Amino acid sequence: MAKNLKDIKIEGSEAMIDSFAACIAAAISYWGRGYEYEYVAGLSGAVFSPAYWTKEDCAAWWMEFGNDRRIKFLGKALGFHVRESPAVLHDKMQDESEMSLDMKRFWQRVKEAVEENKVVIMGTWPCWSIVNEWNDDVTKLGLATVDGPVGELCKPYWFKKVYILTEGPATFTRKEAIRGALRMGADIADGTYTQPDFKYGGKLYDEIIVGLEKKNFCESCGEKSCSCVARTMSRIHGAASGAVDFLEMAGIFFGPELPKPALESVMGSYGKIAETSKTYADSEVVCDNWADNGFRSAFKESLMAIQTAHHEGARIFRRMVEGI
């Protein structure tokens, strides 16, 4: 049967998955391959530290971007080639008349790719999506997005980051891919990895603690910002749970090359983050108790415990990967 982009589904709970990794996993499935979301998310590095997007005003979406810089590594690990859209200056984003010749040529390639049923992944605020239907008006492109309210919000703009993916052979063995992911994972976990406008190494936890001291945790959402708290914690819970799954799988592949005590310690740190954040991932619990100072105090203590677990885990993670 011929491939049809309309058949692409982005799987997973929209409140917990990394939408970029979920789009890559959907592309892999579309090509008839068997990699799970958890494996893709681990390879991308999304599970090892929250990505804090400093340019995002709404706290609900702090973690939605900043995880795509590893896409060429993913291509080598999973088997696809990448064509990346030209960079766009921020102050020229809103004016289509500022579209460069290179960008116009790129969008012609996007049109051709979509019409040929190839995978195009696009940064559509507030999440990543796959273009599944062409329209000459870019704002009216058909999209496959995450299920739920987030997917309903996703809107395409010509100046957002776009990747055209073409399936091909993987150039890394699975063990090589996991090794590369662990080494990058250590960089992401302790904040060695950097890119403009994003912070890693658990820096998001600092920002959440600062937000707890304000009347409104999220200035954009005001009195409704308790829902931003819950979404942020849901994403943290989902990421940390994914880290445990990926590390467990890595331990099977590497065996004694990954010292068991160190591996179990790092998994324990992420497990603690997952378990502690789970309580605050429930929007009903958070919003019902948000005005209670005692609840906020307990929440702050929990965040400090998460922070400690993250930093301790990152320190051991760094030492652990030096031997592989």
C-alpha atoms as a PDB file:
ATOM      1  CA  MET A   1       0.000   0.000   0.000  1.00  0.00           C
ATOM      2  CA  ALA A   2       1.262   3.490  -0.884  1.00  0.00           C
ATOM      3  CA  LYS A   3       2.307   5.677   2.035  1.00  0.00           C
ATOM      4  CA  ASN A   4      -0.062   8.480   2.951  1.00  0.00           C
ATOM      5  CA  LEU A   5       0.880  11.312   5.318  1.00  0.00           C
ATOM      6  CA  LYS A   6      -2.697  11.403   6.550  1.00  0.00           C
ATOM      7  CA  ASP A   7      -2.026   8.062   8.248  1.00  0.00           C
ATOM      8  CA  ILE A   8       0.650   9.521  10.548  1.00  0.00           C
ATOM      9  CA  LYS A   9      -0.293   9.555  14.236  1.00  0.00           C
ATOM     10  CA  ILE A  10       1.636  11.297  17.018  1.00  0.00           C
ATOM     11  CA  GLU A  11       1.353   8.890  19.938  1.00  0.00           C
ATOM     12  CA  GLY A  12       1.528   9.501  23.678  1.00  0.00           C
ATOM     13  CA  SER A  13      -0.005  11.650  26.412  1.00  0.00           C
ATOM     14  CA  GLU A  14       0.313  15.256  25.233  1.00  0.00           C
ATOM     15  CA  ALA A  15       1.015  16.419  28.783  1.00  0.00           C
ATOM     16  CA  MET A  16       4.060  14.183  29.203  1.00  0.00           C
ATOM     17  CA  ILE A  17       5.742  13.510  25.864  1.00  0.00           C
ATOM     18  CA  ASP A  18       8.385  15.609  24.164  1.00  0.00           C
ATOM     19  CA  SER A  19       6.562  16.577  20.969  1.00  0.00           C
ATOM     20  CA  PHE A  20       9.748  16.680  18.871  1.00  0.00           C
ATOM     21  CA  ALA A  21      10.787  13.152  19.862  1.00  0.00           C
ATOM     22  CA  ALA A  22       7.193  12.011  19.339  1.00  0.00           C
ATOM     23  CA  CYS A  23       7.254  13.397  15.776  1.00  0.00           C
ATOM     24  CA  ILE A  24      10.509  11.543  15.046  1.00  0.00           C
ATOM     25  CA  ALA A  25       9.006   8.343  16.478  1.00  0.00           C
ATOM     26  CA  ALA A  26       5.935   8.853  14.273  1.00  0.00           C
ATOM     27  CA  ALA A  27       8.161   9.267  11.205  1.00  0.00           C
ATOM     28  CA  ILE A  28      10.001   6.043  12.041  1.00  0.00           C
ATOM     29  CA  SER A  29       6.677   4.225  12.385  1.00  0.00           C
ATOM     30  CA  TYR A  30       5.466   5.724   9.084  1.00  0.00           C
ATOM     31  CA  TRP A  31       8.524   4.168   7.415  1.00  0.00           C
ATOM     32  CA  GLY A  32       7.618   0.802   8.893  1.00  0.00           C
ATOM     33  CA  ARG A  33      10.331   0.572  11.532  1.00  0.00           C
ATOM     34  CA  GLY A  34       9.968  -0.543  15.118  1.00  0.00           C
ATOM     35  CA  TYR A  35      11.605   2.019  17.403  1.00  0.00           C
ATOM     36  CA  GLU A  36       9.566   3.113  20.411  1.00  0.00           C
ATOM     37  CA  TYR A  37       9.074   6.722  21.557  1.00  0.00           C
ATOM     38  CA  GLU A  38      11.110   6.093  24.735  1.00  0.00           C
ATOM     39  CA  TYR A  39      14.122   5.027  22.677  1.00  0.00           C
ATOM     40  CA  VAL A  40      13.881   8.054  20.378  1.00  0.00           C
ATOM     41  CA  ALA A  41      13.424  10.439  23.325  1.00  0.00           C
ATOM     42  CA  GLY A  42      16.512   8.952  24.986  1.00  0.00           C
ATOM     43  CA  LEU A  43      18.585   9.319  21.828  1.00  0.00           C
ATOM     44  CA  SER A  44      17.441  12.935  21.460  1.00  0.00           C
ATOM     45  CA  GLY A  45      18.512  13.770  25.019  1.00  0.00           C
ATOM     46  CA  ALA A  46      15.076  15.120  25.913  1.00  0.00           C
ATOM     47  CA  VAL A  47      14.766  12.837  28.932  1.00  0.00           C
ATOM     48  CA  PHE A  48      17.968  13.841  30.748  1.00  0.00           C
ATOM     49  CA  SER A  49      17.170  17.449  31.699  1.00  0.00           C
ATOM     50  CA  PRO A  50      14.222  19.787  31.203  1.00  0.00           C
ATOM     51  CA  ALA A  51      14.912  22.201  28.354  1.00  0.00           C
ATOM     52  CA  TYR A  52      14.224  25.686  29.714  1.00  0.00           C
ATOM     53  CA  TRP A  53      13.325  28.054  26.871  1.00  0.00           C
ATOM     54  CA  THR A  54      14.129  31.505  28.250  1.00  0.00           C
ATOM     55  CA  LYS A  55      12.226  33.317  25.458  1.00  0.00           C
ATOM     56  CA  GLU A  56       8.896  31.653  26.264  1.00  0.00           C
ATOM     57  CA  ASP A  57       6.530  33.850  28.292  1.00  0.00           C
ATOM     58  CA  CYS A  58       4.014  31.151  29.205  1.00  0.00           C
ATOM     59  CA  ALA A  59       5.367  28.670  31.725  1.00  0.00           C
ATOM     60  CA  ALA A  60       3.229  25.866  30.276  1.00  0.00           C
ATOM     61  CA  TRP A  61       5.533  25.711  27.246  1.00  0.00           C
ATOM     62  CA  TRP A  62       9.008  26.141  28.749  1.00  0.00           C
ATOM     63  CA  MET A  63       9.979  22.593  27.744  1.00  0.00           C
ATOM     64  CA  GLU A  64       8.447  22.332  24.272  1.00  0.00           C
ATOM     65  CA  PHE A  65      11.498  23.368  22.246  1.00  0.00           C
ATOM     66  CA  GLY A  66      15.272  23.126  22.514  1.00  0.00           C
ATOM     67  CA  ASN A  67      15.456  19.381  21.877  1.00  0.00           C
ATOM     68  CA  ASP A  68      15.850  19.375  18.087  1.00  0.00           C
ATOM     69  CA  ARG A  69      19.571  20.183  17.849  1.00  0.00           C
ATOM     70  CA  ARG A  70      20.357  16.459  17.898  1.00  0.00           C
ATOM     71  CA  ILE A  71      18.350  15.708  14.759  1.00  0.00           C
ATOM     72  CA  LYS A  72      21.368  14.817  12.589  1.00  0.00           C
ATOM     73  CA  PHE A  73      22.590  12.413  15.261  1.00  0.00           C
ATOM     74  CA  LEU A  74      19.100  10.897  15.290  1.00  0.00           C
ATOM     75  CA  GLY A  75      19.273  10.514  11.522  1.00  0.00           C
ATOM     76  CA  LYS A  76      22.533   8.571  11.774  1.00  0.00           C
ATOM     77  CA  ALA A  77      21.182   6.462  14.642  1.00  0.00           C
ATOM     78  CA  LEU A  78      17.712   5.757  13.259  1.00  0.00           C
ATOM     79  CA  GLY A  79      18.233   5.942   9.504  1.00  0.00           C
ATOM     80  CA  PHE A  80      17.211   9.173   7.781  1.00  0.00           C
ATOM     81  CA  HIS A  81      18.738  12.177   6.030  1.00  0.00           C
ATOM     82  CA  VAL A  82      17.961  15.744   7.131  1.00  0.00           C
ATOM     83  CA  ARG A  83      17.472  18.955   5.189  1.00  0.00           C
ATOM     84  CA  GLU A  84      17.199  21.933   7.553  1.00  0.00           C
ATOM     85  CA  SER A  85      15.470  25.270   6.929  1.00  0.00           C
ATOM     86  CA  PRO A  86      17.620  28.432   6.787  1.00  0.00           C
ATOM     87  CA  ALA A  87      17.921  30.491   9.963  1.00  0.00           C
ATOM     88  CA  VAL A  88      15.566  33.467  10.334  1.00  0.00           C
ATOM     89  CA  LEU A  89      16.420  36.620  12.277  1.00  0.00           C
ATOM     90  CA  HIS A  90      13.973  37.128  15.119  1.00  0.00           C
ATOM     91  CA  ASP A  91      13.141  40.737  14.209  1.00  0.00           C
ATOM     92  CA  LYS A  92      12.118  39.689  10.683  1.00  0.00           C
ATOM     93  CA  MET A  93       9.865  36.819  11.653  1.00  0.00           C
ATOM     94  CA  GLN A  94       6.492  38.476  11.180  1.00  0.00           C
ATOM     95  CA  ASP A  95       7.026  39.956   7.722  1.00  0.00           C
ATOM     96  CA  GLU A  96       6.765  37.529   4.796  1.00  0.00           C
ATOM     97  CA  SER A  97       8.291  40.180   2.541  1.00  0.00           C
ATOM     98  CA  GLU A  98      11.546  39.566   4.442  1.00  0.00           C
ATOM     99  CA  MET A  99      11.663  35.916   3.329  1.00  0.00           C
ATOM    100  CA  SER A 100      15.078  35.342   1.776  1.00  0.00           C
ATOM    101  CA  LEU A 101      15.632  33.697  -1.581  1.00  0.00           C
ATOM    102  CA  ASP A 102      17.122  30.708   0.228  1.00  0.00           C
ATOM    103  CA  MET A 103      13.991  30.430   2.356  1.00  0.00           C
ATOM    104  CA  LYS A 104      11.715  30.645  -0.693  1.00  0.00           C
ATOM    105  CA  ARG A 105      13.695  27.874  -2.350  1.00  0.00           C
ATOM    106  CA  PHE A 106      13.511  25.797   0.817  1.00  0.00           C
ATOM    107  CA  TRP A 107       9.735  26.157   1.011  1.00  0.00           C
ATOM    108  CA  GLN A 108       9.487  24.982  -2.596  1.00  0.00           C
ATOM    109  CA  ARG A 109      11.379  21.856  -1.484  1.00  0.00           C
ATOM    110  CA  VAL A 110       8.946  21.477   1.420  1.00  0.00           C
ATOM    111  CA  LYS A 111       6.008  21.629  -0.994  1.00  0.00           C
ATOM    112  CA  GLU A 112       7.585  18.976  -3.202  1.00  0.00           C
ATOM    113  CA  ALA A 113       8.376  16.790  -0.201  1.00  0.00           C
ATOM    114  CA  VAL A 114       4.814  16.908   1.148  1.00  0.00           C
ATOM    115  CA  GLU A 115       3.342  16.217  -2.273  1.00  0.00           C
ATOM    116  CA  GLU A 116       5.665  13.202  -2.523  1.00  0.00           C
ATOM    117  CA  ASN A 117       4.457  11.952   0.905  1.00  0.00           C
ATOM    118  CA  LYS A 118       7.822  12.595   2.568  1.00  0.00           C
ATOM    119  CA  VAL A 119       8.088  13.551   6.224  1.00  0.00           C
ATOM    120  CA  VAL A 120       8.359  17.252   7.098  1.00  0.00           C
ATOM    121  CA  ILE A 121       8.678  18.146  10.790  1.00  0.00           C
ATOM    122  CA  MET A 122       7.831  21.715  11.744  1.00  0.00           C
ATOM    123  CA  GLY A 123       8.078  23.789  14.894  1.00  0.00           C
ATOM    124  CA  THR A 124       4.450  24.892  15.220  1.00  0.00           C
ATOM    125  CA  TRP A 125       3.853  26.850  18.406  1.00  0.00           C
ATOM    126  CA  PRO A 126       3.377  25.500  21.034  1.00  0.00           C
ATOM    127  CA  CYS A 127       4.501  22.048  19.865  1.00  0.00           C
ATOM    128  CA  TRP A 128       6.212  20.221  17.011  1.00  0.00           C
ATOM    129  CA  SER A 129       4.081  18.808  14.202  1.00  0.00           C
ATOM    130  CA  ILE A 130       4.357  16.833  10.970  1.00  0.00           C
ATOM    131  CA  VAL A 131       3.003  18.494   7.832  1.00  0.00           C
ATOM    132  CA  ASN A 132       0.503  16.051   6.322  1.00  0.00           C
ATOM    133  CA  GLU A 133      -1.228  18.251   3.728  1.00  0.00           C
ATOM    134  CA  TRP A 134       0.133  21.055   1.566  1.00  0.00           C
ATOM    135  CA  ASN A 135      -1.397  24.523   1.206  1.00  0.00           C
ATOM    136  CA  ASP A 136       0.239  27.437  -0.601  1.00  0.00           C
ATOM    137  CA  ASP A 137      -0.832  29.536   2.398  1.00  0.00           C
ATOM    138  CA  VAL A 138       1.656  28.259   4.978  1.00  0.00           C
ATOM    139  CA  THR A 139      -0.631  29.234   7.847  1.00  0.00           C
ATOM    140  CA  LYS A 140      -3.177  26.707   6.516  1.00  0.00           C
ATOM    141  CA  LEU A 141      -0.908  23.678   6.206  1.00  0.00           C
ATOM    142  CA  GLY A 142      -2.449  20.400   7.339  1.00  0.00           C
ATOM    143  CA  LEU A 143      -0.753  19.040  10.452  1.00  0.00           C
ATOM    144  CA  ALA A 144      -0.393  15.832  12.391  1.00  0.00           C
ATOM    145  CA  THR A 145       0.114  16.955  15.989  1.00  0.00           C
ATOM    146  CA  VAL A 146      -0.140  15.573  19.506  1.00  0.00           C
ATOM    147  CA  ASP A 147      -3.625  14.682  20.682  1.00  0.00           C
ATOM    148  CA  GLY A 148      -5.557  16.906  23.060  1.00  0.00           C
ATOM    149  CA  PRO A 149      -5.654  20.667  23.618  1.00  0.00           C
ATOM    150  CA  VAL A 150      -1.997  21.194  22.718  1.00  0.00           C
ATOM    151  CA  GLY A 151      -2.491  19.705  19.281  1.00  0.00           C
ATOM    152  CA  GLU A 152      -5.524  21.879  18.726  1.00  0.00           C
ATOM    153  CA  LEU A 153      -3.427  24.963  19.486  1.00  0.00           C
ATOM    154  CA  CYS A 154      -0.531  24.184  17.120  1.00  0.00           C
ATOM    155  CA  LYS A 155      -0.232  26.754  14.338  1.00  0.00           C
ATOM    156  CA  PRO A 156       2.282  26.833  11.447  1.00  0.00           C
ATOM    157  CA  TYR A 157       4.302  29.919  10.473  1.00  0.00           C
ATOM    158  CA  TRP A 158       6.824  30.224   7.653  1.00  0.00           C
ATOM    159  CA  PHE A 159       9.619  31.409   9.975  1.00  0.00           C
ATOM    160  CA  LYS A 160       9.545  28.426  12.339  1.00  0.00           C
ATOM    161  CA  LYS A 161      12.177  25.685  12.152  1.00  0.00           C
ATOM    162  CA  VAL A 162      11.436  23.004   9.558  1.00  0.00           C
ATOM    163  CA  TYR A 163      13.179  19.716   8.746  1.00  0.00           C
ATOM    164  CA  ILE A 164      12.654  17.552   5.651  1.00  0.00           C
ATOM    165  CA  LEU A 165      13.418  13.914   6.450  1.00  0.00           C
ATOM    166  CA  THR A 166      14.248  11.265   3.858  1.00  0.00           C
ATOM    167  CA  GLU A 167      14.543   7.666   4.988  1.00  0.00           C
ATOM    168  CA  GLY A 168      17.876   5.950   4.510  1.00  0.00           C
ATOM    169  CA  PRO A 169      20.270   3.550   6.235  1.00  0.00           C
ATOM    170  CA  ALA A 170      21.463   4.077   9.797  1.00  0.00           C
ATOM    171  CA  THR A 171      25.204   4.714   9.967  1.00  0.00           C
ATOM    172  CA  PHE A 172      25.528   3.883  13.673  1.00  0.00           C
ATOM    173  CA  THR A 173      25.049   0.462  15.201  1.00  0.00           C
ATOM    174  CA  ARG A 174      22.514   0.458  17.995  1.00  0.00           C
ATOM    175  CA  LYS A 175      25.275   0.232  20.577  1.00  0.00           C
ATOM    176  CA  GLU A 176      27.100   3.182  19.000  1.00  0.00           C
ATOM    177  CA  ALA A 177      23.856   5.172  19.028  1.00  0.00           C
ATOM    178  CA  ILE A 178      23.209   4.427  22.693  1.00  0.00           C
ATOM    179  CA  ARG A 179      26.810   5.270  23.605  1.00  0.00           C
ATOM    180  CA  GLY A 180      26.527   8.634  21.829  1.00  0.00           C
ATOM    181  CA  ALA A 181      23.188   9.294  23.507  1.00  0.00           C
ATOM    182  CA  LEU A 182      24.600   8.563  26.970  1.00  0.00           C
ATOM    183  CA  ARG A 183      27.572  10.844  26.448  1.00  0.00           C
ATOM    184  CA  MET A 184      25.341  13.653  25.235  1.00  0.00           C
ATOM    185  CA  GLY A 185      22.878  12.806  28.000  1.00  0.00           C
ATOM    186  CA  ALA A 186      25.574  13.499  30.584  1.00  0.00           C
ATOM    187  CA  ASP A 187      26.262  16.877  28.926  1.00  0.00           C
ATOM    188  CA  ILE A 188      22.562  17.751  28.994  1.00  0.00           C
ATOM    189  CA  ALA A 189      22.116  16.517  32.560  1.00  0.00           C
ATOM    190  CA  ASP A 190      24.910  18.632  34.042  1.00  0.00           C
ATOM    191  CA  GLY A 191      24.419  21.656  31.777  1.00  0.00           C
ATOM    192  CA  THR A 192      27.663  21.284  29.814  1.00  0.00           C
ATOM    193  CA  TYR A 193      25.516  21.294  26.670  1.00  0.00           C
ATOM    194  CA  THR A 194      24.351  24.785  25.692  1.00  0.00           C
ATOM    195  CA  GLN A 195      22.556  26.573  22.884  1.00  0.00           C
ATOM    196  CA  PRO A 196      21.296  30.166  22.613  1.00  0.00           C
ATOM    197  CA  ASP A 197      18.050  30.969  24.470  1.00  0.00           C
ATOM    198  CA  PHE A 198      17.923  27.563  26.197  1.00  0.00           C
ATOM    199  CA  LYS A 199      19.227  26.251  29.500  1.00  0.00           C
ATOM    200  CA  TYR A 200      19.775  22.669  30.607  1.00  0.00           C
ATOM    201  CA  GLY A 201      21.292  20.961  33.636  1.00  0.00           C
ATOM    202  CA  GLY A 202      18.107  21.306  35.665  1.00  0.00           C
ATOM    203  CA  LYS A 203      18.065  25.117  35.369  1.00  0.00           C
ATOM    204  CA  LEU A 204      14.298  24.942  34.935  1.00  0.00           C
ATOM    205  CA  TYR A 205      13.946  23.870  38.561  1.00  0.00           C
ATOM    206  CA  ASP A 206      15.508  27.170  39.664  1.00  0.00           C
ATOM    207  CA  GLU A 207      12.957  29.060  37.596  1.00  0.00           C
ATOM    208  CA  ILE A 208      10.031  27.102  39.025  1.00  0.00           C
ATOM    209  CA  ILE A 209      11.178  27.866  42.580  1.00  0.00           C
ATOM    210  CA  VAL A 210      11.412  31.578  41.702  1.00  0.00           C
ATOM    211  CA  GLY A 211       7.896  31.389  40.253  1.00  0.00           C
ATOM    212  CA  LEU A 212       6.528  29.985  43.494  1.00  0.00           C
ATOM    213  CA  GLU A 213       7.478  33.205  45.267  1.00  0.00           C
ATOM    214  CA  LYS A 214       5.346  35.293  42.909  1.00  0.00           C
ATOM    215  CA  LYS A 215       1.648  35.975  43.234  1.00  0.00           C
ATOM    216  CA  ASN A 216       1.141  34.516  39.773  1.00  0.00           C
ATOM    217  CA  PHE A 217       3.483  31.696  38.834  1.00  0.00           C
ATOM    218  CA  CYS A 218       3.005  32.531  35.137  1.00  0.00           C
ATOM    219  CA  GLU A 219       2.577  36.227  34.380  1.00  0.00           C
ATOM    220  CA  SER A 220       1.000  35.470  30.990  1.00  0.00           C
ATOM    221  CA  CYS A 221      -1.789  33.395  32.540  1.00  0.00           C
ATOM    222  CA  GLY A 222      -2.266  35.304  35.793  1.00  0.00           C
ATOM    223  CA  GLU A 223      -4.721  33.658  38.161  1.00  0.00           C
ATOM    224  CA  LYS A 224      -5.016  30.627  35.880  1.00  0.00           C
ATOM    225  CA  SER A 225      -1.300  29.870  36.057  1.00  0.00           C
ATOM    226  CA  CYS A 226      -1.788  26.877  38.349  1.00  0.00           C
ATOM    227  CA  SER A 227      -2.468  24.921  35.155  1.00  0.00           C
ATOM    228  CA  CYS A 228       0.963  26.010  33.862  1.00  0.00           C
ATOM    229  CA  VAL A 229       2.495  24.539  37.015  1.00  0.00           C
ATOM    230  CA  ALA A 230       0.743  21.218  36.439  1.00  0.00           C
ATOM    231  CA  ARG A 231       1.769  21.018  32.786  1.00  0.00           C
ATOM    232  CA  THR A 232       5.390  21.847  33.609  1.00  0.00           C
ATOM    233  CA  MET A 233       5.448  19.128  36.258  1.00  0.00           C
ATOM    234  CA  SER A 234       3.757  16.655  33.886  1.00  0.00           C
ATOM    235  CA  ARG A 235       6.516  17.168  31.356  1.00  0.00           C
ATOM    236  CA  ILE A 236       9.170  16.781  34.060  1.00  0.00           C
ATOM    237  CA  HIS A 237       7.487  13.563  35.214  1.00  0.00           C
ATOM    238  CA  GLY A 238       7.310  12.210  31.668  1.00  0.00           C
ATOM    239  CA  ALA A 239      10.927  13.077  30.914  1.00  0.00           C
ATOM    240  CA  ALA A 240      12.338  11.564  34.106  1.00  0.00           C
ATOM    241  CA  SER A 241      10.293   8.386  33.619  1.00  0.00           C
ATOM    242  CA  GLY A 242      11.718   8.175  30.106  1.00  0.00           C
ATOM    243  CA  ALA A 243      15.255   8.547  31.471  1.00  0.00           C
ATOM    244  CA  VAL A 244      14.738   5.537  33.732  1.00  0.00           C
ATOM    245  CA  ASP A 245      13.462   3.444  30.805  1.00  0.00           C
ATOM    246  CA  PHE A 246      16.320   4.461  28.514  1.00  0.00           C
ATOM    247  CA  LEU A 247      19.009   3.860  31.139  1.00  0.00           C
ATOM    248  CA  GLU A 248      17.580   0.434  31.937  1.00  0.00           C
ATOM    249  CA  MET A 249      17.759  -0.483  28.258  1.00  0.00           C
ATOM    250  CA  ALA A 250      21.309   0.934  28.001  1.00  0.00           C
ATOM    251  CA  GLY A 251      22.347  -1.241  30.919  1.00  0.00           C
ATOM    252  CA  ILE A 252      21.172  -4.335  29.044  1.00  0.00           C
ATOM    253  CA  PHE A 253      23.159  -3.374  25.936  1.00  0.00           C
ATOM    254  CA  PHE A 254      26.374  -2.454  27.712  1.00  0.00           C
ATOM    255  CA  GLY A 255      26.273  -4.990  30.524  1.00  0.00           C
ATOM    256  CA  PRO A 256      29.321  -4.699  32.807  1.00  0.00           C
ATOM    257  CA  GLU A 257      30.701  -1.795  30.747  1.00  0.00           C
ATOM    258  CA  LEU A 258      28.221   0.365  32.644  1.00  0.00           C
ATOM    259  CA  PRO A 259      29.048  -0.170  36.334  1.00  0.00           C
ATOM    260  CA  LYS A 260      25.871  -1.471  37.941  1.00  0.00           C
ATOM    261  CA  PRO A 261      26.094   0.597  41.169  1.00  0.00           C
ATOM    262  CA  ALA A 262      26.543   3.830  39.182  1.00  0.00           C
ATOM    263  CA  LEU A 263      23.766   2.950  36.735  1.00  0.00           C
ATOM    264  CA  GLU A 264      21.363   2.091  39.539  1.00  0.00           C
ATOM    265  CA  SER A 265      22.239   5.326  41.323  1.00  0.00           C
ATOM    266  CA  VAL A 266      21.543   7.460  38.243  1.00  0.00           C
ATOM    267  CA  MET A 267      18.311   5.557  37.575  1.00  0.00           C
ATOM    268  CA  GLY A 268      17.381   6.080  41.219  1.00  0.00           C
ATOM    269  CA  SER A 269      17.855   9.839  40.875  1.00  0.00           C
ATOM    270  CA  TYR A 270      15.600  10.029  37.837  1.00  0.00           C
ATOM    271  CA  GLY A 271      13.142   7.684  39.516  1.00  0.00           C
ATOM    272  CA  LYS A 272      12.950  10.030  42.491  1.00  0.00           C
ATOM    273  CA  ILE A 273      12.315  12.993  40.165  1.00  0.00           C
ATOM    274  CA  ALA A 274       9.565  11.045  38.394  1.00  0.00           C
ATOM    275  CA  GLU A 275       7.882   9.962  41.617  1.00  0.00           C
ATOM    276  CA  THR A 276       8.076  13.370  43.337  1.00  0.00           C
ATOM    277  CA  SER A 277       6.869  15.328  40.306  1.00  0.00           C
ATOM    278  CA  LYS A 278       3.923  12.978  39.778  1.00  0.00           C
ATOM    279  CA  THR A 279       1.977  14.509  42.684  1.00  0.00           C
ATOM    280  CA  TYR A 280       2.126  17.955  41.097  1.00  0.00           C
ATOM    281  CA  ALA A 281       1.343  16.772  37.572  1.00  0.00           C
ATOM    282  CA  ASP A 282      -2.362  16.609  38.461  1.00  0.00           C
ATOM    283  CA  SER A 283      -3.916  19.966  37.538  1.00  0.00           C
ATOM    284  CA  GLU A 284      -6.925  19.350  39.775  1.00  0.00           C
ATOM    285  CA  VAL A 285      -4.716  18.785  42.828  1.00  0.00           C
ATOM    286  CA  VAL A 286      -2.525  21.797  42.064  1.00  0.00           C
ATOM    287  CA  CYS A 287      -5.341  24.230  41.255  1.00  0.00           C
ATOM    288  CA  ASP A 288      -7.492  23.157  44.221  1.00  0.00           C
ATOM    289  CA  ASN A 289      -4.602  23.859  46.616  1.00  0.00           C
ATOM    290  CA  TRP A 290      -2.743  26.671  44.891  1.00  0.00           C
ATOM    291  CA  ALA A 291      -3.958  29.378  47.309  1.00  0.00           C
ATOM    292  CA  ASP A 292      -2.800  27.332  50.324  1.00  0.00           C
ATOM    293  CA  ASN A 293       0.577  28.567  51.587  1.00  0.00           C
ATOM    294  CA  GLY A 294       1.221  25.216  53.210  1.00  0.00           C
ATOM    295  CA  PHE A 295       0.783  23.462  49.879  1.00  0.00           C
ATOM    296  CA  ARG A 296       3.167  25.872  48.183  1.00  0.00           C
ATOM    297  CA  SER A 297       5.716  25.395  50.957  1.00  0.00           C
ATOM    298  CA  ALA A 298       5.540  21.609  50.574  1.00  0.00           C
ATOM    299  CA  PHE A 299       5.794  22.014  46.799  1.00  0.00           C
ATOM    300  CA  LYS A 300       8.929  24.111  47.181  1.00  0.00           C
ATOM    301  CA  GLU A 301      10.507  21.471  49.402  1.00  0.00           C
ATOM    302  CA  SER A 302       9.647  18.824  46.818  1.00  0.00           C
ATOM    303  CA  LEU A 303      11.259  20.888  44.078  1.00  0.00           C
ATOM    304  CA  MET A 304      14.405  21.318  46.130  1.00  0.00           C
ATOM    305  CA  ALA A 305      14.493  17.530  46.589  1.00  0.00           C
ATOM    306  CA  ILE A 306      14.069  17.103  42.818  1.00  0.00           C
ATOM    307  CA  GLN A 307      16.870  19.598  42.251  1.00  0.00           C
ATOM    308  CA  THR A 308      19.190  17.726  44.603  1.00  0.00           C
ATOM    309  CA  ALA A 309      18.354  14.396  42.979  1.00  0.00           C
ATOM    310  CA  HIS A 310      19.036  15.848  39.532  1.00  0.00           C
ATOM    311  CA  HIS A 311      22.429  17.296  40.452  1.00  0.00           C
ATOM    312  CA  GLU A 312      23.553  14.171  42.306  1.00  0.00           C
ATOM    313  CA  GLY A 313      22.432  11.988  39.421  1.00  0.00           C
ATOM    314  CA  ALA A 314      24.152  14.226  36.852  1.00  0.00           C
ATOM    315  CA  ARG A 315      27.432  14.047  38.774  1.00  0.00           C
ATOM    316  CA  ILE A 316      27.401  10.247  38.827  1.00  0.00           C
ATOM    317  CA  PHE A 317      26.141  10.135  35.225  1.00  0.00           C
ATOM    318  CA  ARG A 318      29.208  12.113  34.139  1.00  0.00           C
ATOM    319  CA  ARG A 319      31.613   9.685  35.788  1.00  0.00           C
ATOM    320  CA  MET A 320      29.673   6.664  34.529  1.00  0.00           C
ATOM    321  CA  VAL A 321      29.928   7.548  30.834  1.00  0.00           C
ATOM    322  CA  GLU A 322      33.654   8.261  30.960  1.00  0.00           C
ATOM    323  CA  GLY A 323      34.317   4.539  30.812  1.00  0.00           C
ATOM    324  CA  ILE A 324      32.249   3.629  27.739  1.00  0.00           C
END
